[in-house]
Amino acid sequence: MKYSVLIEQDEDGAYVAECSALPGCISQGKTRHEAIDNIKDAIKGYLASLKKHNEPMPPSIEEETVEVYA
């Protein structure tokens, strides 16, 4: 499954990753790569919890990146 993740660097230099399709699914890391690895683990745990409690799984996304020249 694919989910969109927003990654931002905070004021302390850490990277914070959030999956908006999964409310409250947030992780962080000292590097961008670490934050991505951590949010993947958080998403897996979130989905496992949904499955365990027979909750519906949010649909996977399809996303495009659009480049615009001004």
PDB file of N, CA and C in Angstrom:
ATOM      1  N   MET A   1       0.844  -1.176   0.000  1.00  0.00           N
ATOM      2  CA  MET A   1       0.000   0.000   0.000  1.00  0.00           C
ATOM      3  C   MET A   1       0.891   1.241   0.000  1.00  0.00           C
ATOM      4  N   LYS A   2       0.378   2.300  -0.557  1.00  0.00           N
ATOM      5  CA  LYS A   2       1.119   3.556  -0.611  1.00  0.00           C
ATOM      6  C   LYS A   2       0.339   4.638   0.121  1.00  0.00           C
ATOM      7  N   TYR A   3       1.048   5.389   0.948  1.00  0.00           N
ATOM      8  CA  TYR A   3       0.458   6.517   1.661  1.00  0.00           C
ATOM      9  C   TYR A   3       1.368   7.725   1.506  1.00  0.00           C
ATOM     10  N   SER A   4       0.760   8.873   1.393  1.00  0.00           N
ATOM     11  CA  SER A   4       1.509  10.119   1.296  1.00  0.00           C
ATOM     12  C   SER A   4       2.021  10.507   2.676  1.00  0.00           C
ATOM     13  N   VAL A   5       3.275  10.933   2.727  1.00  0.00           N
ATOM     14  CA  VAL A   5       3.911  11.323   3.983  1.00  0.00           C
ATOM     15  C   VAL A   5       4.525  12.711   3.810  1.00  0.00           C
ATOM     16  N   LEU A   6       4.247  13.581   4.754  1.00  0.00           N
ATOM     17  CA  LEU A   6       4.836  14.919   4.769  1.00  0.00           C
ATOM     18  C   LEU A   6       6.032  14.893   5.717  1.00  0.00           C
ATOM     19  N   ILE A   7       7.191  15.361   5.236  1.00  0.00           N
ATOM     20  CA  ILE A   7       8.394  15.389   6.065  1.00  0.00           C
ATOM     21  C   ILE A   7       8.867  16.829   6.173  1.00  0.00           C
ATOM     22  N   GLU A   8       9.020  17.282   7.409  1.00  0.00           N
ATOM     23  CA  GLU A   8       9.489  18.642   7.667  1.00  0.00           C
ATOM     24  C   GLU A   8      10.601  18.605   8.702  1.00  0.00           C
ATOM     25  N   GLN A   9      11.523  19.533   8.576  1.00  0.00           N
ATOM     26  CA  GLN A   9      12.584  19.653   9.572  1.00  0.00           C
ATOM     27  C   GLN A   9      12.132  20.653  10.625  1.00  0.00           C
ATOM     28  N   ASP A  10      12.229  20.268  11.903  1.00  0.00           N
ATOM     29  CA  ASP A  10      11.792  21.174  12.965  1.00  0.00           C
ATOM     30  C   ASP A  10      12.903  22.129  13.367  1.00  0.00           C
ATOM     31  N   GLU A  11      12.593  23.012  14.306  1.00  0.00           N
ATOM     32  CA  GLU A  11      13.551  24.055  14.710  1.00  0.00           C
ATOM     33  C   GLU A  11      14.806  23.498  15.376  1.00  0.00           C
ATOM     34  N   ASP A  12      14.757  22.255  15.854  1.00  0.00           N
ATOM     35  CA  ASP A  12      15.919  21.627  16.485  1.00  0.00           C
ATOM     36  C   ASP A  12      16.742  20.810  15.494  1.00  0.00           C
ATOM     37  N   GLY A  13      16.312  20.761  14.241  1.00  0.00           N
ATOM     38  CA  GLY A  13      17.043  20.040  13.211  1.00  0.00           C
ATOM     39  C   GLY A  13      16.566  18.610  12.992  1.00  0.00           C
ATOM     40  N   ALA A  14      15.634  18.131  13.811  1.00  0.00           N
ATOM     41  CA  ALA A  14      15.095  16.779  13.630  1.00  0.00           C
ATOM     42  C   ALA A  14      14.082  16.791  12.494  1.00  0.00           C
ATOM     43  N   TYR A  15      13.863  15.625  11.894  1.00  0.00           N
ATOM     44  CA  TYR A  15      12.887  15.497  10.816  1.00  0.00           C
ATOM     45  C   TYR A  15      11.630  14.841  11.367  1.00  0.00           C
ATOM     46  N   VAL A  16      10.494  15.444  11.076  1.00  0.00           N
ATOM     47  CA  VAL A  16       9.203  14.948  11.544  1.00  0.00           C
ATOM     48  C   VAL A  16       8.420  14.481  10.319  1.00  0.00           C
ATOM     49  N   ALA A  17       7.907  13.249  10.397  1.00  0.00           N
ATOM     50  CA  ALA A  17       7.145  12.661   9.293  1.00  0.00           C
ATOM     51  C   ALA A  17       5.730  12.390   9.761  1.00  0.00           C
ATOM     52  N   GLU A  18       4.754  12.766   8.925  1.00  0.00           N
ATOM     53  CA  GLU A  18       3.348  12.589   9.277  1.00  0.00           C
ATOM     54  C   GLU A  18       2.582  12.025   8.092  1.00  0.00           C
ATOM     55  N   CYS A  19       1.736  11.044   8.371  1.00  0.00           N
ATOM     56  CA  CYS A  19       0.871  10.445   7.361  1.00  0.00           C
ATOM     57  C   CYS A  19      -0.541  10.969   7.580  1.00  0.00           C
ATOM     58  N   SER A  20      -0.977  11.902   6.752  1.00  0.00           N
ATOM     59  CA  SER A  20      -2.268  12.564   6.962  1.00  0.00           C
ATOM     60  C   SER A  20      -3.456  11.624   6.789  1.00  0.00           C
ATOM     61  N   ALA A  21      -3.306  10.550   6.028  1.00  0.00           N
ATOM     62  CA  ALA A  21      -4.411   9.609   5.833  1.00  0.00           C
ATOM     63  C   ALA A  21      -4.677   8.768   7.079  1.00  0.00           C
ATOM     64  N   LEU A  22      -3.708   8.759   8.005  1.00  0.00           N
ATOM     65  CA  LEU A  22      -3.813   7.975   9.228  1.00  0.00           C
ATOM     66  C   LEU A  22      -3.675   8.935  10.411  1.00  0.00           C
ATOM     67  N   PRO A  23      -4.777   9.475  10.896  1.00  0.00           N
ATOM     68  CA  PRO A  23      -4.734  10.492  11.951  1.00  0.00           C
ATOM     69  C   PRO A  23      -3.892  10.066  13.157  1.00  0.00           C
ATOM     70  N   GLY A  24      -2.953  10.943  13.530  1.00  0.00           N
ATOM     71  CA  GLY A  24      -2.092  10.685  14.676  1.00  0.00           C
ATOM     72  C   GLY A  24      -0.872   9.854  14.355  1.00  0.00           C
ATOM     73  N   CYS A  25      -0.709   9.443  13.104  1.00  0.00           N
ATOM     74  CA  CYS A  25       0.445   8.625  12.712  1.00  0.00           C
ATOM     75  C   CYS A  25       1.600   9.564  12.366  1.00  0.00           C
ATOM     76  N   ILE A  26       2.456   9.782  13.362  1.00  0.00           N
ATOM     77  CA  ILE A  26       3.574  10.723  13.254  1.00  0.00           C
ATOM     78  C   ILE A  26       4.816  10.052  13.801  1.00  0.00           C
ATOM     79  N   SER A  27       5.954  10.319  13.188  1.00  0.00           N
ATOM     80  CA  SER A  27       7.219   9.812  13.695  1.00  0.00           C
ATOM     81  C   SER A  27       8.291  10.855  13.409  1.00  0.00           C
ATOM     82  N   GLN A  28       9.514  10.563  13.819  1.00  0.00           N
ATOM     83  CA  GLN A  28      10.603  11.508  13.595  1.00  0.00           C
ATOM     84  C   GLN A  28      11.924  10.772  13.506  1.00  0.00           C
ATOM     85  N   GLY A  29      12.964  11.499  13.154  1.00  0.00           N
ATOM     86  CA  GLY A  29      14.304  10.937  13.093  1.00  0.00           C
ATOM     87  C   GLY A  29      15.332  12.037  13.051  1.00  0.00           C
ATOM     88  N   LYS A  30      16.566  11.680  13.343  1.00  0.00           N
ATOM     89  CA  LYS A  30      17.662  12.664  13.301  1.00  0.00           C
ATOM     90  C   LYS A  30      17.993  13.057  11.870  1.00  0.00           C
ATOM     91  N   THR A  31      17.751  12.126  10.931  1.00  0.00           N
ATOM     92  CA  THR A  31      17.977  12.396   9.507  1.00  0.00           C
ATOM     93  C   THR A  31      16.675  12.150   8.753  1.00  0.00           C
ATOM     94  N   ARG A  32      16.625  12.623   7.526  1.00  0.00           N
ATOM     95  CA  ARG A  32      15.449  12.402   6.682  1.00  0.00           C
ATOM     96  C   ARG A  32      15.233  10.901   6.474  1.00  0.00           C
ATOM     97  N   HIS A  33      16.320  10.186   6.203  1.00  0.00           N
ATOM     98  CA  HIS A  33      16.243   8.735   5.989  1.00  0.00           C
ATOM     99  C   HIS A  33      15.699   8.019   7.230  1.00  0.00           C
ATOM    100  N   GLU A  34      16.180   8.403   8.388  1.00  0.00           N
ATOM    101  CA  GLU A  34      15.705   7.794   9.636  1.00  0.00           C
ATOM    102  C   GLU A  34      14.221   8.090   9.862  1.00  0.00           C
ATOM    103  N   ALA A  35      13.808   9.306   9.562  1.00  0.00           N
ATOM    104  CA  ALA A  35      12.393   9.666   9.715  1.00  0.00           C
ATOM    105  C   ALA A  35      11.520   8.832   8.786  1.00  0.00           C
ATOM    106  N   ILE A  36      11.983   8.591   7.570  1.00  0.00           N
ATOM    107  CA  ILE A  36      11.229   7.772   6.618  1.00  0.00           C
ATOM    108  C   ILE A  36      11.133   6.336   7.110  1.00  0.00           C
ATOM    109  N   ASP A  37      12.246   5.774   7.580  1.00  0.00           N
ATOM    110  CA  ASP A  37      12.216   4.410   8.128  1.00  0.00           C
ATOM    111  C   ASP A  37      11.256   4.326   9.315  1.00  0.00           C
ATOM    112  N   ASN A  38      11.301   5.332  10.175  1.00  0.00           N
ATOM    113  CA  ASN A  38      10.448   5.328  11.369  1.00  0.00           C
ATOM    114  C   ASN A  38       8.968   5.475  11.034  1.00  0.00           C
ATOM    115  N   ILE A  39       8.637   6.309  10.039  1.00  0.00           N
ATOM    116  CA  ILE A  39       7.223   6.471   9.694  1.00  0.00           C
ATOM    117  C   ILE A  39       6.700   5.203   9.009  1.00  0.00           C
ATOM    118  N   LYS A  40       7.553   4.507   8.270  1.00  0.00           N
ATOM    119  CA  LYS A  40       7.135   3.227   7.686  1.00  0.00           C
ATOM    120  C   LYS A  40       6.749   2.250   8.790  1.00  0.00           C
ATOM    121  N   ASP A  41       7.564   2.177   9.834  1.00  0.00           N
ATOM    122  CA  ASP A  41       7.247   1.308  10.975  1.00  0.00           C
ATOM    123  C   ASP A  41       5.957   1.752  11.659  1.00  0.00           C
ATOM    124  N   ALA A  42       5.781   3.059  11.811  1.00  0.00           N
ATOM    125  CA  ALA A  42       4.573   3.588  12.451  1.00  0.00           C
ATOM    126  C   ALA A  42       3.328   3.255  11.626  1.00  0.00           C
ATOM    127  N   ILE A  43       3.436   3.368  10.311  1.00  0.00           N
ATOM    128  CA  ILE A  43       2.308   3.046   9.426  1.00  0.00           C
ATOM    129  C   ILE A  43       1.976   1.558   9.525  1.00  0.00           C
ATOM    130  N   LYS A  44       2.992   0.705   9.521  1.00  0.00           N
ATOM    131  CA  LYS A  44       2.756  -0.738   9.650  1.00  0.00           C
ATOM    132  C   LYS A  44       2.034  -1.046  10.961  1.00  0.00           C
ATOM    133  N   GLY A  45       2.476  -0.426  12.041  1.00  0.00           N
ATOM    134  CA  GLY A  45       1.830  -0.633  13.337  1.00  0.00           C
ATOM    135  C   GLY A  45       0.404  -0.130  13.355  1.00  0.00           C
ATOM    136  N   TYR A  46       0.172   1.027  12.748  1.00  0.00           N
ATOM    137  CA  TYR A  46      -1.163   1.618  12.670  1.00  0.00           C
ATOM    138  C   TYR A  46      -2.108   0.678  11.915  1.00  0.00           C
ATOM    139  N   LEU A  47      -1.645   0.189  10.753  1.00  0.00           N
ATOM    140  CA  LEU A  47      -2.483  -0.696   9.941  1.00  0.00           C
ATOM    141  C   LEU A  47      -2.736  -2.028  10.651  1.00  0.00           C
ATOM    142  N   ALA A  48      -1.732  -2.540  11.364  1.00  0.00           N
ATOM    143  CA  ALA A  48      -1.905  -3.784  12.125  1.00  0.00           C
ATOM    144  C   ALA A  48      -2.969  -3.596  13.205  1.00  0.00           C
ATOM    145  N   SER A  49      -2.977  -2.434  13.849  1.00  0.00           N
ATOM    146  CA  SER A  49      -3.973  -2.147  14.881  1.00  0.00           C
ATOM    147  C   SER A  49      -5.375  -2.069  14.279  1.00  0.00           C
ATOM    148  N   LEU A  50      -5.497  -1.427  13.118  1.00  0.00           N
ATOM    149  CA  LEU A  50      -6.796  -1.358  12.443  1.00  0.00           C
ATOM    150  C   LEU A  50      -7.305  -2.758  12.129  1.00  0.00           C
ATOM    151  N   LYS A  51      -6.411  -3.591  11.601  1.00  0.00           N
ATOM    152  CA  LYS A  51      -6.790  -4.956  11.239  1.00  0.00           C
ATOM    153  C   LYS A  51      -7.209  -5.744  12.476  1.00  0.00           C
ATOM    154  N   LYS A  52      -6.451  -5.614  13.555  1.00  0.00           N
ATOM    155  CA  LYS A  52      -6.740  -6.335  14.793  1.00  0.00           C
ATOM    156  C   LYS A  52      -8.120  -5.980  15.338  1.00  0.00           C
ATOM    157  N   HIS A  53      -8.521  -4.723  15.177  1.00  0.00           N
ATOM    158  CA  HIS A  53      -9.795  -4.240  15.710  1.00  0.00           C
ATOM    159  C   HIS A  53     -10.901  -4.227  14.650  1.00  0.00           C
ATOM    160  N   ASN A  54     -10.648  -4.895  13.525  1.00  0.00           N
ATOM    161  CA  ASN A  54     -11.617  -4.990  12.427  1.00  0.00           C
ATOM    162  C   ASN A  54     -12.098  -3.625  11.946  1.00  0.00           C
ATOM    163  N   GLU A  55     -11.192  -2.672  11.923  1.00  0.00           N
ATOM    164  CA  GLU A  55     -11.495  -1.331  11.408  1.00  0.00           C
ATOM    165  C   GLU A  55     -11.144  -1.290   9.922  1.00  0.00           C
ATOM    166  N   PRO A  56     -11.819  -0.459   9.139  1.00  0.00           N
ATOM    167  CA  PRO A  56     -11.508  -0.379   7.708  1.00  0.00           C
ATOM    168  C   PRO A  56     -10.134   0.242   7.460  1.00  0.00           C
ATOM    169  N   MET A  57      -9.476  -0.258   6.441  1.00  0.00           N
ATOM    170  CA  MET A  57      -8.171   0.269   6.036  1.00  0.00           C
ATOM    171  C   MET A  57      -8.374   1.463   5.108  1.00  0.00           C
ATOM    172  N   PRO A  58      -7.692   2.572   5.364  1.00  0.00           N
ATOM    173  CA  PRO A  58      -7.769   3.700   4.430  1.00  0.00           C
ATOM    174  C   PRO A  58      -7.205   3.269   3.075  1.00  0.00           C
ATOM    175  N   PRO A  59      -7.799   3.737   2.001  1.00  0.00           N
ATOM    176  CA  PRO A  59      -7.321   3.313   0.684  1.00  0.00           C
ATOM    177  C   PRO A  59      -5.915   3.818   0.397  1.00  0.00           C
ATOM    178  N   SER A  60      -5.207   3.050  -0.382  1.00  0.00           N
ATOM    179  CA  SER A  60      -3.888   3.435  -0.868  1.00  0.00           C
ATOM    180  C   SER A  60      -4.054   4.627  -1.816  1.00  0.00           C
ATOM    181  N   ILE A  61      -3.026   5.420  -1.958  1.00  0.00           N
ATOM    182  CA  ILE A  61      -3.123   6.599  -2.825  1.00  0.00           C
ATOM    183  C   ILE A  61      -2.326   6.419  -4.108  1.00  0.00           C
ATOM    184  N   GLU A  62      -2.694   7.179  -5.084  1.00  0.00           N
ATOM    185  CA  GLU A  62      -1.891   7.335  -6.287  1.00  0.00           C
ATOM    186  C   GLU A  62      -1.620   8.819  -6.387  1.00  0.00           C
ATOM    187  N   GLU A  63      -0.382   9.160  -6.578  1.00  0.00           N
ATOM    188  CA  GLU A  63       0.008  10.559  -6.529  1.00  0.00           C
ATOM    189  C   GLU A  63       0.881  10.906  -7.723  1.00  0.00           C
ATOM    190  N   GLU A  64       0.747  12.113  -8.178  1.00  0.00           N
ATOM    191  CA  GLU A  64       1.574  12.630  -9.263  1.00  0.00           C
ATOM    192  C   GLU A  64       2.312  13.861  -8.773  1.00  0.00           C
ATOM    193  N   THR A  65       3.502  14.037  -9.263  1.00  0.00           N
ATOM    194  CA  THR A  65       4.251  15.267  -9.001  1.00  0.00           C
ATOM    195  C   THR A  65       4.193  16.107 -10.271  1.00  0.00           C
ATOM    196  N   VAL A  66       3.815  17.359 -10.104  1.00  0.00           N
ATOM    197  CA  VAL A  66       3.666  18.254 -11.244  1.00  0.00           C
ATOM    198  C   VAL A  66       4.698  19.364 -11.128  1.00  0.00           C
ATOM    199  N   GLU A  67       5.442  19.588 -12.188  1.00  0.00           N
ATOM    200  CA  GLU A  67       6.431  20.653 -12.193  1.00  0.00           C
ATOM    201  C   GLU A  67       5.875  21.807 -13.023  1.00  0.00           C
ATOM    202  N   VAL A  68       5.939  23.002 -12.479  1.00  0.00           N
ATOM    203  CA  VAL A  68       5.397  24.182 -13.155  1.00  0.00           C
ATOM    204  C   VAL A  68       6.519  25.203 -13.314  1.00  0.00           C
ATOM    205  N   TYR A  69       6.622  25.745 -14.486  1.00  0.00           N
ATOM    206  CA  TYR A  69       7.620  26.795 -14.750  1.00  0.00           C
ATOM    207  C   TYR A  69       6.894  28.130 -14.864  1.00  0.00           C
ATOM    208  N   ALA A  70       7.388  29.105 -14.157  1.00  0.00           N
ATOM    209  CA  ALA A  70       6.751  30.414 -14.210  1.00  0.00           C
ATOM    210  C   ALA A  70       7.631  31.409 -14.921  1.00  0.00           C
TER     211      ALA A  70
END
